[in-house]
Amino acid sequence: MSLFSKIVIGVIIYMMFLLVYLPANWLVSIAPLPNNMVISGAEGTLWQGKAALITIDQRQIERVSWTLSPWGLFVGQANIDFNVGNRATPVSGKGSLSWSLSGMSAKNIRLDLQDSFILAGARLPFKTQIDGDVSIMVEVLKQGKPWCEQLHGKLFVNHTNVKNQFGVYPLGNITLGLSCLDGQLQLATDETQNVLGLTGTAILGESNLVKVSAKIKPTDAQPKDLREALPFLGRQDTQGYYPINYQGVVPGL
């Protein structure tokens, strides 16, 4: 073997060594992060590492760890398994993400988020205060325009209490199906998935435009303040439902 060949092989081995042990804290220091994002306490390597805290505006995500598979890179795809937080943190969960030139995809995602994390101090109309938490389970997601090409999952609104200047509304638990409709994100529920007598859909389209098409009828399980407020929604139909229709951006967000 010639001296030149030995040098080339040595350089290749050295570069592979650097790549394998590329430190996560150095990558964070040079990464072009958005101005509203700060990553603290990064440890480990590109391939297997963790961060103590990720701050995005007023939201904080604690104890983030990841494993990046090197094999997917050979076909132009980054496959990442991640874990976030625990039951004591505002956000916890795990799942698998993939990035390629065609966009992002995900599978087996489970996230639990407290309402305080989601709202992050947002001022809601009518001095509204919301307590509770949200769980998201995504079996499969494929990015598309404007939001998705494929989506199958569920969103659980748990132990939710709403209080504003009009009354107190303990809404309990609501289950919504997650799906993709012509590239838009669709949430759907019916009376079998909540105790509020609520049936309908909410669709998130381009420019964060939300379209709600739903209806609600009085039930014995509804909070008193909610049941008494239903007539303000409009006229009951022949089946006893009041209409809930909205089109615009989400108030307060």
C-alpha atoms as a PDB file:
ATOM      1  CA  MET A   1       0.000   0.000   0.000  1.00  0.00           C
ATOM      2  CA  SER A   2       1.367   3.385  -0.998  1.00  0.00           C
ATOM      3  CA  LEU A   3       1.971   6.219   1.430  1.00  0.00           C
ATOM      4  CA  PHE A   4      -0.749   8.250  -0.269  1.00  0.00           C
ATOM      5  CA  SER A   5      -3.328   5.479   0.267  1.00  0.00           C
ATOM      6  CA  LYS A   6      -2.380   5.209   3.922  1.00  0.00           C
ATOM      7  CA  ILE A   7      -2.837   8.951   4.360  1.00  0.00           C
ATOM      8  CA  VAL A   8      -6.252   8.891   2.657  1.00  0.00           C
ATOM      9  CA  ILE A   9      -7.422   5.975   4.826  1.00  0.00           C
ATOM     10  CA  GLY A  10      -6.100   7.699   7.936  1.00  0.00           C
ATOM     11  CA  VAL A  11      -7.973  10.911   7.085  1.00  0.00           C
ATOM     12  CA  ILE A  12     -11.196   8.959   6.460  1.00  0.00           C
ATOM     13  CA  ILE A  13     -10.906   7.139   9.788  1.00  0.00           C
ATOM     14  CA  TYR A  14     -10.201  10.423  11.568  1.00  0.00           C
ATOM     15  CA  MET A  15     -13.242  12.090   9.968  1.00  0.00           C
ATOM     16  CA  MET A  16     -15.441   9.144  10.920  1.00  0.00           C
ATOM     17  CA  PHE A  17     -14.153   9.380  14.490  1.00  0.00           C
ATOM     18  CA  LEU A  18     -15.000  13.085  14.618  1.00  0.00           C
ATOM     19  CA  LEU A  19     -18.461  12.432  13.196  1.00  0.00           C
ATOM     20  CA  VAL A  20     -19.265   9.629  15.625  1.00  0.00           C
ATOM     21  CA  TYR A  21     -18.245  11.679  18.665  1.00  0.00           C
ATOM     22  CA  LEU A  22     -19.545  15.051  17.468  1.00  0.00           C
ATOM     23  CA  PRO A  23     -20.563  16.727  20.769  1.00  0.00           C
ATOM     24  CA  ALA A  24     -24.151  17.897  21.152  1.00  0.00           C
ATOM     25  CA  ASN A  25     -23.210  21.067  23.065  1.00  0.00           C
ATOM     26  CA  TRP A  26     -20.933  22.212  20.216  1.00  0.00           C
ATOM     27  CA  LEU A  27     -23.668  21.553  17.648  1.00  0.00           C
ATOM     28  CA  VAL A  28     -26.116  23.629  19.710  1.00  0.00           C
ATOM     29  CA  SER A  29     -23.608  26.482  19.892  1.00  0.00           C
ATOM     30  CA  ILE A  30     -23.321  26.719  16.081  1.00  0.00           C
ATOM     31  CA  ALA A  31     -26.880  25.756  15.131  1.00  0.00           C
ATOM     32  CA  PRO A  32     -28.957  28.525  13.446  1.00  0.00           C
ATOM     33  CA  LEU A  33     -31.715  28.406  16.068  1.00  0.00           C
ATOM     34  CA  PRO A  34     -34.714  30.745  15.891  1.00  0.00           C
ATOM     35  CA  ASN A  35     -34.380  33.890  17.983  1.00  0.00           C
ATOM     36  CA  ASN A  36     -37.128  32.712  20.349  1.00  0.00           C
ATOM     37  CA  MET A  37     -35.445  29.353  21.115  1.00  0.00           C
ATOM     38  CA  VAL A  38     -32.748  28.582  23.701  1.00  0.00           C
ATOM     39  CA  ILE A  39     -31.306  25.110  24.368  1.00  0.00           C
ATOM     40  CA  SER A  40     -29.557  24.631  27.719  1.00  0.00           C
ATOM     41  CA  GLY A  41     -27.583  21.778  29.236  1.00  0.00           C
ATOM     42  CA  ALA A  42     -26.896  19.828  26.036  1.00  0.00           C
ATOM     43  CA  GLU A  43     -24.859  16.651  26.567  1.00  0.00           C
ATOM     44  CA  GLY A  44     -23.864  13.572  24.615  1.00  0.00           C
ATOM     45  CA  THR A  45     -23.404  13.427  20.864  1.00  0.00           C
ATOM     46  CA  LEU A  46     -25.300  14.083  17.681  1.00  0.00           C
ATOM     47  CA  TRP A  47     -26.336  10.425  17.611  1.00  0.00           C
ATOM     48  CA  GLN A  48     -27.373  10.039  21.223  1.00  0.00           C
ATOM     49  CA  GLY A  49     -27.775  13.036  23.466  1.00  0.00           C
ATOM     50  CA  LYS A  50     -29.964  15.061  25.766  1.00  0.00           C
ATOM     51  CA  ALA A  51     -30.794  18.627  26.733  1.00  0.00           C
ATOM     52  CA  ALA A  52     -31.815  19.745  30.203  1.00  0.00           C
ATOM     53  CA  LEU A  53     -34.119  22.510  28.950  1.00  0.00           C
ATOM     54  CA  ILE A  54     -35.498  23.918  25.709  1.00  0.00           C
ATOM     55  CA  THR A  55     -37.159  27.328  25.981  1.00  0.00           C
ATOM     56  CA  ILE A  56     -39.442  28.607  23.209  1.00  0.00           C
ATOM     57  CA  ASP A  57     -40.855  32.033  24.057  1.00  0.00           C
ATOM     58  CA  GLN A  58     -42.588  31.459  27.418  1.00  0.00           C
ATOM     59  CA  ARG A  59     -42.777  27.684  27.046  1.00  0.00           C
ATOM     60  CA  GLN A  60     -40.200  25.387  28.661  1.00  0.00           C
ATOM     61  CA  ILE A  61     -39.601  21.762  27.668  1.00  0.00           C
ATOM     62  CA  GLU A  62     -37.538  19.819  30.181  1.00  0.00           C
ATOM     63  CA  ARG A  63     -35.412  16.662  29.946  1.00  0.00           C
ATOM     64  CA  VAL A  64     -35.282  16.077  26.202  1.00  0.00           C
ATOM     65  CA  SER A  65     -33.300  13.077  24.951  1.00  0.00           C
ATOM     66  CA  TRP A  66     -32.845  11.644  21.458  1.00  0.00           C
ATOM     67  CA  THR A  67     -31.323   8.859  19.428  1.00  0.00           C
ATOM     68  CA  LEU A  68     -30.477   9.500  15.766  1.00  0.00           C
ATOM     69  CA  SER A  69     -30.064   6.417  13.590  1.00  0.00           C
ATOM     70  CA  PRO A  70     -27.064   6.741  11.227  1.00  0.00           C
ATOM     71  CA  TRP A  71     -28.420   4.179   8.757  1.00  0.00           C
ATOM     72  CA  GLY A  72     -31.264   6.340   7.495  1.00  0.00           C
ATOM     73  CA  LEU A  73     -28.783   9.031   6.445  1.00  0.00           C
ATOM     74  CA  PHE A  74     -27.531   6.754   3.672  1.00  0.00           C
ATOM     75  CA  VAL A  75     -30.932   7.112   1.973  1.00  0.00           C
ATOM     76  CA  GLY A  76     -31.288  10.827   2.756  1.00  0.00           C
ATOM     77  CA  GLN A  77     -33.511  10.445   5.799  1.00  0.00           C
ATOM     78  CA  ALA A  78     -32.984  11.397   9.455  1.00  0.00           C
ATOM     79  CA  ASN A  79     -34.788   9.038  11.850  1.00  0.00           C
ATOM     80  CA  ILE A  80     -35.014  10.206  15.450  1.00  0.00           C
ATOM     81  CA  ASP A  81     -36.496   8.536  18.529  1.00  0.00           C
ATOM     82  CA  PHE A  82     -37.157  11.036  21.327  1.00  0.00           C
ATOM     83  CA  ASN A  83     -38.277  11.220  24.942  1.00  0.00           C
ATOM     84  CA  VAL A  84     -39.466  14.337  26.745  1.00  0.00           C
ATOM     85  CA  GLY A  85     -39.929  15.000  30.474  1.00  0.00           C
ATOM     86  CA  ASN A  86     -41.830  12.852  32.941  1.00  0.00           C
ATOM     87  CA  ARG A  87     -45.143  12.983  34.810  1.00  0.00           C
ATOM     88  CA  ALA A  88     -43.897  15.849  36.996  1.00  0.00           C
ATOM     89  CA  THR A  89     -43.063  18.164  34.062  1.00  0.00           C
ATOM     90  CA  PRO A  90     -45.510  20.339  32.049  1.00  0.00           C
ATOM     91  CA  VAL A  91     -44.691  18.316  28.921  1.00  0.00           C
ATOM     92  CA  SER A  92     -43.924  14.616  28.642  1.00  0.00           C
ATOM     93  CA  GLY A  93     -43.949  12.097  25.843  1.00  0.00           C
ATOM     94  CA  LYS A  94     -42.089  10.015  23.318  1.00  0.00           C
ATOM     95  CA  GLY A  95     -42.200   9.000  19.677  1.00  0.00           C
ATOM     96  CA  SER A  96     -40.379   8.702  16.370  1.00  0.00           C
ATOM     97  CA  LEU A  97     -39.778  11.466  13.821  1.00  0.00           C
ATOM     98  CA  SER A  98     -38.320  11.340  10.310  1.00  0.00           C
ATOM     99  CA  TRP A  99     -37.073  14.159   8.079  1.00  0.00           C
ATOM    100  CA  SER A 100     -36.296  13.936   4.382  1.00  0.00           C
ATOM    101  CA  LEU A 101     -36.436  16.160   1.315  1.00  0.00           C
ATOM    102  CA  SER A 102     -40.135  15.308   0.989  1.00  0.00           C
ATOM    103  CA  GLY A 103     -40.913  16.653   4.466  1.00  0.00           C
ATOM    104  CA  MET A 104     -41.531  15.387   7.972  1.00  0.00           C
ATOM    105  CA  SER A 105     -43.320  12.251   9.119  1.00  0.00           C
ATOM    106  CA  ALA A 106     -44.013  10.771  12.548  1.00  0.00           C
ATOM    107  CA  LYS A 107     -45.334   7.620  14.153  1.00  0.00           C
ATOM    108  CA  ASN A 108     -46.267   6.355  17.594  1.00  0.00           C
ATOM    109  CA  ILE A 109     -46.269   9.832  19.136  1.00  0.00           C
ATOM    110  CA  ARG A 110     -47.611  10.315  22.670  1.00  0.00           C
ATOM    111  CA  LEU A 111     -47.538  13.775  24.267  1.00  0.00           C
ATOM    112  CA  ASP A 112     -49.084  14.980  27.531  1.00  0.00           C
ATOM    113  CA  LEU A 113     -49.289  18.745  27.956  1.00  0.00           C
ATOM    114  CA  GLN A 114     -50.675  20.900  30.736  1.00  0.00           C
ATOM    115  CA  ASP A 115     -53.023  23.668  29.653  1.00  0.00           C
ATOM    116  CA  SER A 116     -50.701  26.215  31.275  1.00  0.00           C
ATOM    117  CA  PHE A 117     -47.961  25.152  28.841  1.00  0.00           C
ATOM    118  CA  ILE A 118     -50.245  25.366  25.813  1.00  0.00           C
ATOM    119  CA  LEU A 119     -51.604  28.813  26.675  1.00  0.00           C
ATOM    120  CA  ALA A 120     -48.246  30.126  27.955  1.00  0.00           C
ATOM    121  CA  GLY A 121     -49.765  33.206  29.561  1.00  0.00           C
ATOM    122  CA  ALA A 122     -52.003  34.099  26.599  1.00  0.00           C
ATOM    123  CA  ARG A 123     -54.772  36.565  27.476  1.00  0.00           C
ATOM    124  CA  LEU A 124     -58.058  34.933  26.544  1.00  0.00           C
ATOM    125  CA  PRO A 125     -61.332  36.785  25.893  1.00  0.00           C
ATOM    126  CA  PHE A 126     -63.764  37.464  28.762  1.00  0.00           C
ATOM    127  CA  LYS A 127     -61.014  36.949  31.376  1.00  0.00           C
ATOM    128  CA  THR A 128     -61.148  33.241  30.701  1.00  0.00           C
ATOM    129  CA  GLN A 129     -59.042  30.856  32.768  1.00  0.00           C
ATOM    130  CA  ILE A 130     -58.539  27.213  31.773  1.00  0.00           C
ATOM    131  CA  ASP A 131     -57.230  24.375  33.910  1.00  0.00           C
ATOM    132  CA  GLY A 132     -56.586  20.813  32.829  1.00  0.00           C
ATOM    133  CA  ASP A 133     -54.338  18.959  30.448  1.00  0.00           C
ATOM    134  CA  VAL A 134     -54.240  17.562  26.928  1.00  0.00           C
ATOM    135  CA  SER A 135     -52.986  14.217  25.639  1.00  0.00           C
ATOM    136  CA  ILE A 136     -52.127  13.675  21.975  1.00  0.00           C
ATOM    137  CA  MET A 137     -51.690  10.250  20.413  1.00  0.00           C
ATOM    138  CA  VAL A 138     -50.598  10.056  16.769  1.00  0.00           C
ATOM    139  CA  GLU A 139     -50.308   6.689  15.075  1.00  0.00           C
ATOM    140  CA  VAL A 140     -49.095   8.116  11.792  1.00  0.00           C
ATOM    141  CA  LEU A 141     -48.452  11.604  10.390  1.00  0.00           C
ATOM    142  CA  LYS A 142     -47.097  12.687   7.023  1.00  0.00           C
ATOM    143  CA  GLN A 143     -46.479  16.353   6.276  1.00  0.00           C
ATOM    144  CA  GLY A 144     -48.315  17.990   3.396  1.00  0.00           C
ATOM    145  CA  LYS A 145     -49.781  21.315   2.278  1.00  0.00           C
ATOM    146  CA  PRO A 146     -50.940  23.310   4.091  1.00  0.00           C
ATOM    147  CA  TRP A 147     -50.522  20.907   7.049  1.00  0.00           C
ATOM    148  CA  CYS A 148     -50.735  17.219   6.302  1.00  0.00           C
ATOM    149  CA  GLU A 149     -51.010  14.502   3.692  1.00  0.00           C
ATOM    150  CA  GLN A 150     -51.862  11.737   6.133  1.00  0.00           C
ATOM    151  CA  LEU A 151     -52.881  11.792   9.791  1.00  0.00           C
ATOM    152  CA  HIS A 152     -54.491   9.322  12.136  1.00  0.00           C
ATOM    153  CA  GLY A 153     -54.697   9.863  15.875  1.00  0.00           C
ATOM    154  CA  LYS A 154     -56.658  11.162  18.846  1.00  0.00           C
ATOM    155  CA  LEU A 155     -56.632  14.202  21.108  1.00  0.00           C
ATOM    156  CA  PHE A 156     -57.881  13.895  24.691  1.00  0.00           C
ATOM    157  CA  VAL A 157     -58.939  16.997  26.621  1.00  0.00           C
ATOM    158  CA  ASN A 158     -58.738  15.886  30.248  1.00  0.00           C
ATOM    159  CA  HIS A 159     -60.242  17.253  33.489  1.00  0.00           C
ATOM    160  CA  THR A 160     -60.888  20.621  31.887  1.00  0.00           C
ATOM    161  CA  ASN A 161     -62.361  23.495  33.879  1.00  0.00           C
ATOM    162  CA  VAL A 162     -63.182  26.846  32.274  1.00  0.00           C
ATOM    163  CA  LYS A 163     -63.917  29.962  34.287  1.00  0.00           C
ATOM    164  CA  ASN A 164     -64.745  33.410  32.948  1.00  0.00           C
ATOM    165  CA  GLN A 165     -66.888  36.437  33.702  1.00  0.00           C
ATOM    166  CA  PHE A 166     -70.036  34.540  32.689  1.00  0.00           C
ATOM    167  CA  GLY A 167     -69.651  31.494  34.916  1.00  0.00           C
ATOM    168  CA  VAL A 168     -67.817  28.291  35.764  1.00  0.00           C
ATOM    169  CA  TYR A 169     -67.788  25.394  33.316  1.00  0.00           C
ATOM    170  CA  PRO A 170     -66.332  22.038  34.424  1.00  0.00           C
ATOM    171  CA  LEU A 171     -66.199  20.406  30.997  1.00  0.00           C
ATOM    172  CA  GLY A 172     -64.729  17.076  32.077  1.00  0.00           C
ATOM    173  CA  ASN A 173     -63.133  14.858  29.433  1.00  0.00           C
ATOM    174  CA  ILE A 174     -63.513  15.204  25.663  1.00  0.00           C
ATOM    175  CA  THR A 175     -62.104  12.850  23.019  1.00  0.00           C
ATOM    176  CA  LEU A 176     -61.474  14.150  19.492  1.00  0.00           C
ATOM    177  CA  GLY A 177     -60.351  12.223  16.447  1.00  0.00           C
ATOM    178  CA  LEU A 178     -57.422  13.635  14.449  1.00  0.00           C
ATOM    179  CA  SER A 179     -57.415  13.280  10.672  1.00  0.00           C
ATOM    180  CA  CYS A 180     -56.378  15.006   7.471  1.00  0.00           C
ATOM    181  CA  LEU A 181     -58.966  16.512   5.112  1.00  0.00           C
ATOM    182  CA  ASP A 182     -57.654  17.928   1.821  1.00  0.00           C
ATOM    183  CA  GLY A 183     -54.386  18.849   3.525  1.00  0.00           C
ATOM    184  CA  GLN A 184     -56.138  20.493   6.468  1.00  0.00           C
ATOM    185  CA  LEU A 185     -56.069  19.309  10.076  1.00  0.00           C
ATOM    186  CA  GLN A 186     -59.475  18.064  11.241  1.00  0.00           C
ATOM    187  CA  LEU A 187     -60.673  17.432  14.797  1.00  0.00           C
ATOM    188  CA  ALA A 188     -63.995  15.655  15.294  1.00  0.00           C
ATOM    189  CA  THR A 189     -66.098  14.555  18.258  1.00  0.00           C
ATOM    190  CA  ASP A 190     -69.610  13.268  18.946  1.00  0.00           C
ATOM    191  CA  GLU A 191     -71.856  12.586  21.929  1.00  0.00           C
ATOM    192  CA  THR A 192     -70.259   9.206  22.599  1.00  0.00           C
ATOM    193  CA  GLN A 193     -66.899  10.914  23.233  1.00  0.00           C
ATOM    194  CA  ASN A 194     -67.968  13.630  25.683  1.00  0.00           C
ATOM    195  CA  VAL A 195     -70.654  14.328  28.314  1.00  0.00           C
ATOM    196  CA  LEU A 196     -71.531  17.744  26.902  1.00  0.00           C
ATOM    197  CA  GLY A 197     -73.915  16.696  24.153  1.00  0.00           C
ATOM    198  CA  LEU A 198     -71.399  18.071  21.646  1.00  0.00           C
ATOM    199  CA  THR A 199     -71.077  16.861  18.049  1.00  0.00           C
ATOM    200  CA  GLY A 200     -69.083  18.413  15.220  1.00  0.00           C
ATOM    201  CA  THR A 201     -65.752  19.254  13.652  1.00  0.00           C
ATOM    202  CA  ALA A 202     -63.060  21.916  13.747  1.00  0.00           C
ATOM    203  CA  ILE A 203     -60.768  22.340  10.739  1.00  0.00           C
ATOM    204  CA  LEU A 204     -57.428  24.154  10.760  1.00  0.00           C
ATOM    205  CA  GLY A 205     -56.513  25.453   7.314  1.00  0.00           C
ATOM    206  CA  GLU A 206     -54.031  27.876   5.789  1.00  0.00           C
ATOM    207  CA  SER A 207     -52.933  30.982   7.695  1.00  0.00           C
ATOM    208  CA  ASN A 208     -54.170  29.392  10.965  1.00  0.00           C
ATOM    209  CA  LEU A 209     -57.766  29.837   9.841  1.00  0.00           C
ATOM    210  CA  VAL A 210     -60.143  27.736  11.950  1.00  0.00           C
ATOM    211  CA  LYS A 211     -63.606  26.661  10.839  1.00  0.00           C
ATOM    212  CA  VAL A 212     -65.919  25.162  13.472  1.00  0.00           C
ATOM    213  CA  SER A 213     -69.121  23.401  12.462  1.00  0.00           C
ATOM    214  CA  ALA A 214     -70.798  21.801  15.462  1.00  0.00           C
ATOM    215  CA  LYS A 215     -73.936  21.548  17.546  1.00  0.00           C
ATOM    216  CA  ILE A 216     -74.758  20.975  21.214  1.00  0.00           C
ATOM    217  CA  LYS A 217     -77.873  19.993  23.121  1.00  0.00           C
ATOM    218  CA  PRO A 218     -78.742  20.222  26.826  1.00  0.00           C
ATOM    219  CA  THR A 219     -77.784  17.199  28.951  1.00  0.00           C
ATOM    220  CA  ASP A 220     -78.020  16.437  32.655  1.00  0.00           C
ATOM    221  CA  ALA A 221     -74.216  16.098  32.818  1.00  0.00           C
ATOM    222  CA  GLN A 222     -73.588  19.652  31.615  1.00  0.00           C
ATOM    223  CA  PRO A 223     -72.507  22.350  34.080  1.00  0.00           C
ATOM    224  CA  LYS A 224     -75.435  24.544  35.106  1.00  0.00           C
ATOM    225  CA  ASP A 225     -73.823  27.734  33.774  1.00  0.00           C
ATOM    226  CA  LEU A 226     -73.249  26.106  30.386  1.00  0.00           C
ATOM    227  CA  ARG A 227     -76.781  24.733  30.120  1.00  0.00           C
ATOM    228  CA  GLU A 228     -78.275  28.146  30.936  1.00  0.00           C
ATOM    229  CA  ALA A 229     -76.019  29.844  28.354  1.00  0.00           C
ATOM    230  CA  LEU A 230     -76.963  27.583  25.429  1.00  0.00           C
ATOM    231  CA  PRO A 231     -79.892  29.747  24.206  1.00  0.00           C
ATOM    232  CA  PHE A 232     -77.410  32.538  23.436  1.00  0.00           C
ATOM    233  CA  LEU A 233     -76.002  30.328  20.647  1.00  0.00           C
ATOM    234  CA  GLY A 234     -79.175  30.630  18.580  1.00  0.00           C
ATOM    235  CA  ARG A 235     -82.393  28.751  17.928  1.00  0.00           C
ATOM    236  CA  GLN A 236     -82.764  25.052  18.741  1.00  0.00           C
ATOM    237  CA  ASP A 237     -83.377  22.713  15.820  1.00  0.00           C
ATOM    238  CA  THR A 238     -86.059  20.015  15.783  1.00  0.00           C
ATOM    239  CA  GLN A 239     -83.697  17.588  17.557  1.00  0.00           C
ATOM    240  CA  GLY A 240     -82.939  20.005  20.381  1.00  0.00           C
ATOM    241  CA  TYR A 241     -79.466  21.090  19.246  1.00  0.00           C
ATOM    242  CA  TYR A 242     -78.062  24.613  19.374  1.00  0.00           C
ATOM    243  CA  PRO A 243     -75.647  25.647  16.570  1.00  0.00           C
ATOM    244  CA  ILE A 244     -71.934  26.352  17.118  1.00  0.00           C
ATOM    245  CA  ASN A 245     -70.369  27.952  14.053  1.00  0.00           C
ATOM    246  CA  TYR A 246     -67.161  29.943  13.849  1.00  0.00           C
ATOM    247  CA  GLN A 247     -64.672  30.917  11.174  1.00  0.00           C
ATOM    248  CA  GLY A 248     -61.527  32.916  11.910  1.00  0.00           C
ATOM    249  CA  VAL A 249     -58.360  32.703  13.950  1.00  0.00           C
ATOM    250  CA  VAL A 250     -58.366  31.109  17.402  1.00  0.00           C
ATOM    251  CA  PRO A 251     -59.192  33.846  19.954  1.00  0.00           C
ATOM    252  CA  GLY A 252     -56.258  34.740  22.189  1.00  0.00           C
ATOM    253  CA  LEU A 253     -53.611  32.894  20.114  1.00  0.00           C
END
